[in-house]
Amino acid sequence: MYLFVSILICSVLAIILFLLGPVVGGIIGFGIVLGVLFRVLYLLNDIHKRISNLLPKRDKVEEAFRAYLEKTN
Protein backbone atom coordinates (compact mmCIF):
# COMPACT_ATOMS: atom_id res chain seq x y z
CA MET A 1 0.00 0.00 0.00
CA TYR A 2 2.83 2.40 0.85
CA LEU A 3 4.46 1.64 -2.50
CA PHE A 4 1.25 2.44 -4.36
CA VAL A 5 0.85 5.76 -2.53
CA SER A 6 4.48 6.62 -3.25
CA ILE A 7 3.99 5.89 -6.95
CA LEU A 8 0.89 8.10 -7.07
CA ILE A 9 2.61 10.98 -5.27
CA CYS A 10 5.65 10.75 -7.54
CA SER A 11 3.42 10.68 -10.62
CA VAL A 12 1.60 13.83 -9.51
CA LEU A 13 4.92 15.51 -8.73
CA ALA A 14 6.28 14.56 -12.16
CA ILE A 15 3.23 16.07 -13.87
CA ILE A 16 3.59 19.29 -11.87
CA LEU A 17 7.32 19.51 -12.66
CA PHE A 18 6.59 18.88 -16.34
CA LEU A 19 4.05 21.71 -16.40
CA LEU A 20 6.45 24.17 -14.74
CA GLY A 21 8.82 24.12 -17.69
CA PRO A 22 12.25 22.70 -18.28
CA VAL A 23 14.29 25.20 -16.28
CA VAL A 24 12.19 25.46 -13.12
CA GLY A 25 11.13 21.80 -13.22
CA GLY A 26 14.72 20.69 -13.82
CA ILE A 27 16.04 22.74 -10.90
CA ILE A 28 13.37 21.45 -8.53
CA GLY A 29 13.79 17.86 -9.77
CA PHE A 30 17.57 18.07 -9.38
CA GLY A 31 17.11 19.40 -5.84
CA ILE A 32 14.80 16.52 -4.98
CA VAL A 33 17.21 13.92 -6.35
CA LEU A 34 20.17 15.47 -4.52
CA GLY A 35 18.18 15.66 -1.28
CA VAL A 36 17.28 11.98 -1.52
CA LEU A 37 20.91 11.02 -2.21
CA PHE A 38 22.18 12.98 0.80
CA ARG A 39 19.49 11.43 2.98
CA VAL A 40 20.50 7.93 1.85
CA LEU A 41 24.16 8.68 2.61
CA TYR A 42 23.22 9.98 6.06
CA LEU A 43 21.18 6.84 6.81
CA LEU A 44 23.97 4.54 5.60
CA ASN A 45 26.45 6.37 7.82
CA ASP A 46 24.08 6.04 10.78
CA ILE A 47 23.62 2.31 10.16
CA HIS A 48 27.40 1.86 9.90
CA LYS A 49 27.95 3.62 13.23
CA ARG A 50 25.31 1.51 14.98
CA ILE A 51 26.66 -1.77 13.61
CA SER A 52 30.28 -0.90 14.41
CA ASN A 53 29.30 -0.22 18.03
CA LEU A 54 27.74 -3.69 18.30
CA LEU A 55 30.75 -5.59 16.94
CA PRO A 56 33.33 -6.72 19.48
CA LYS A 57 36.68 -4.98 19.38
CA ARG A 58 39.84 -6.95 18.66
CA ASP A 59 42.47 -6.96 21.33
CA LYS A 60 46.24 -7.20 20.89
CA VAL A 61 46.46 -10.82 21.99
CA GLU A 62 43.91 -11.95 19.43
CA GLU A 63 45.68 -10.03 16.65
CA ALA A 64 49.05 -11.49 17.63
CA PHE A 65 47.55 -15.00 17.67
CA ARG A 66 46.03 -14.51 14.20
CA ALA A 67 49.35 -13.17 12.87
CA TYR A 68 51.12 -16.19 14.35
CA LEU A 69 48.65 -18.59 12.73
CA GLU A 70 49.05 -16.87 9.36
CA LYS A 71 52.84 -16.96 9.66
CA THR A 72 52.93 -20.67 10.51
CA ASN A 73 50.64 -21.62 7.61
C-alpha atoms as a PDB file:
ATOM      1  CA  MET A   1       0.000   0.000   0.000  1.00  0.00           C
ATOM      2  CA  TYR A   2       2.825   2.404   0.851  1.00  0.00           C
ATOM      3  CA  LEU A   3       4.460   1.643  -2.500  1.00  0.00           C
ATOM      4  CA  PHE A   4       1.249   2.437  -4.363  1.00  0.00           C
ATOM      5  CA  VAL A   5       0.850   5.758  -2.527  1.00  0.00           C
ATOM      6  CA  SER A   6       4.482   6.623  -3.252  1.00  0.00           C
ATOM      7  CA  ILE A   7       3.986   5.890  -6.950  1.00  0.00           C
ATOM      8  CA  LEU A   8       0.894   8.103  -7.067  1.00  0.00           C
ATOM      9  CA  ILE A   9       2.608  10.984  -5.271  1.00  0.00           C
ATOM     10  CA  CYS A  10       5.650  10.745  -7.542  1.00  0.00           C
ATOM     11  CA  SER A  11       3.423  10.680 -10.623  1.00  0.00           C
ATOM     12  CA  VAL A  12       1.603  13.830  -9.515  1.00  0.00           C
ATOM     13  CA  LEU A  13       4.918  15.510  -8.728  1.00  0.00           C
ATOM     14  CA  ALA A  14       6.280  14.558 -12.156  1.00  0.00           C
ATOM     15  CA  ILE A  15       3.233  16.068 -13.868  1.00  0.00           C
ATOM     16  CA  ILE A  16       3.591  19.287 -11.868  1.00  0.00           C
ATOM     17  CA  LEU A  17       7.316  19.507 -12.660  1.00  0.00           C
ATOM     18  CA  PHE A  18       6.593  18.881 -16.340  1.00  0.00           C
ATOM     19  CA  LEU A  19       4.048  21.708 -16.399  1.00  0.00           C
ATOM     20  CA  LEU A  20       6.453  24.174 -14.741  1.00  0.00           C
ATOM     21  CA  GLY A  21       8.817  24.123 -17.688  1.00  0.00           C
ATOM     22  CA  PRO A  22      12.251  22.700 -18.282  1.00  0.00           C
ATOM     23  CA  VAL A  23      14.286  25.203 -16.281  1.00  0.00           C
ATOM     24  CA  VAL A  24      12.186  25.462 -13.123  1.00  0.00           C
ATOM     25  CA  GLY A  25      11.132  21.800 -13.223  1.00  0.00           C
ATOM     26  CA  GLY A  26      14.722  20.694 -13.818  1.00  0.00           C
ATOM     27  CA  ILE A  27      16.042  22.735 -10.903  1.00  0.00           C
ATOM     28  CA  ILE A  28      13.367  21.446  -8.527  1.00  0.00           C
ATOM     29  CA  GLY A  29      13.794  17.860  -9.770  1.00  0.00           C
ATOM     30  CA  PHE A  30      17.569  18.071  -9.378  1.00  0.00           C
ATOM     31  CA  GLY A  31      17.109  19.395  -5.843  1.00  0.00           C
ATOM     32  CA  ILE A  32      14.799  16.516  -4.976  1.00  0.00           C
ATOM     33  CA  VAL A  33      17.215  13.917  -6.346  1.00  0.00           C
ATOM     34  CA  LEU A  34      20.174  15.472  -4.519  1.00  0.00           C
ATOM     35  CA  GLY A  35      18.183  15.663  -1.281  1.00  0.00           C
ATOM     36  CA  VAL A  36      17.285  11.979  -1.525  1.00  0.00           C
ATOM     37  CA  LEU A  37      20.911  11.019  -2.209  1.00  0.00           C
ATOM     38  CA  PHE A  38      22.178  12.977   0.798  1.00  0.00           C
ATOM     39  CA  ARG A  39      19.490  11.428   2.982  1.00  0.00           C
ATOM     40  CA  VAL A  40      20.501   7.926   1.846  1.00  0.00           C
ATOM     41  CA  LEU A  41      24.161   8.684   2.607  1.00  0.00           C
ATOM     42  CA  TYR A  42      23.221   9.977   6.056  1.00  0.00           C
ATOM     43  CA  LEU A  43      21.180   6.842   6.809  1.00  0.00           C
ATOM     44  CA  LEU A  44      23.972   4.540   5.599  1.00  0.00           C
ATOM     45  CA  ASN A  45      26.454   6.370   7.822  1.00  0.00           C
ATOM     46  CA  ASP A  46      24.084   6.044  10.781  1.00  0.00           C
ATOM     47  CA  ILE A  47      23.616   2.310  10.159  1.00  0.00           C
ATOM     48  CA  HIS A  48      27.402   1.862   9.900  1.00  0.00           C
ATOM     49  CA  LYS A  49      27.953   3.621  13.234  1.00  0.00           C
ATOM     50  CA  ARG A  50      25.309   1.509  14.979  1.00  0.00           C
ATOM     51  CA  ILE A  51      26.664  -1.771  13.613  1.00  0.00           C
ATOM     52  CA  SER A  52      30.283  -0.900  14.413  1.00  0.00           C
ATOM     53  CA  ASN A  53      29.302  -0.225  18.032  1.00  0.00           C
ATOM     54  CA  LEU A  54      27.738  -3.689  18.299  1.00  0.00           C
ATOM     55  CA  LEU A  55      30.746  -5.585  16.944  1.00  0.00           C
ATOM     56  CA  PRO A  56      33.327  -6.725  19.481  1.00  0.00           C
ATOM     57  CA  LYS A  57      36.678  -4.975  19.376  1.00  0.00           C
ATOM     58  CA  ARG A  58      39.844  -6.949  18.658  1.00  0.00           C
ATOM     59  CA  ASP A  59      42.471  -6.959  21.331  1.00  0.00           C
ATOM     60  CA  LYS A  60      46.241  -7.197  20.887  1.00  0.00           C
ATOM     61  CA  VAL A  61      46.456 -10.821  21.992  1.00  0.00           C
ATOM     62  CA  GLU A  62      43.906 -11.952  19.427  1.00  0.00           C
ATOM     63  CA  GLU A  63      45.677 -10.026  16.648  1.00  0.00           C
ATOM     64  CA  ALA A  64      49.047 -11.492  17.625  1.00  0.00           C
ATOM     65  CA  PHE A  65      47.552 -14.997  17.666  1.00  0.00           C
ATOM     66  CA  ARG A  66      46.031 -14.511  14.203  1.00  0.00           C
ATOM     67  CA  ALA A  67      49.346 -13.174  12.874  1.00  0.00           C
ATOM     68  CA  TYR A  68      51.121 -16.192  14.353  1.00  0.00           C
ATOM     69  CA  LEU A  69      48.654 -18.585  12.732  1.00  0.00           C
ATOM     70  CA  GLU A  70      49.051 -16.872   9.361  1.00  0.00           C
ATOM     71  CA  LYS A  71      52.836 -16.957   9.663  1.00  0.00           C
ATOM     72  CA  THR A  72      52.930 -20.669  10.506  1.00  0.00           C
ATOM     73  CA  ASN A  73      50.645 -21.621   7.606  1.00  0.00           C
END
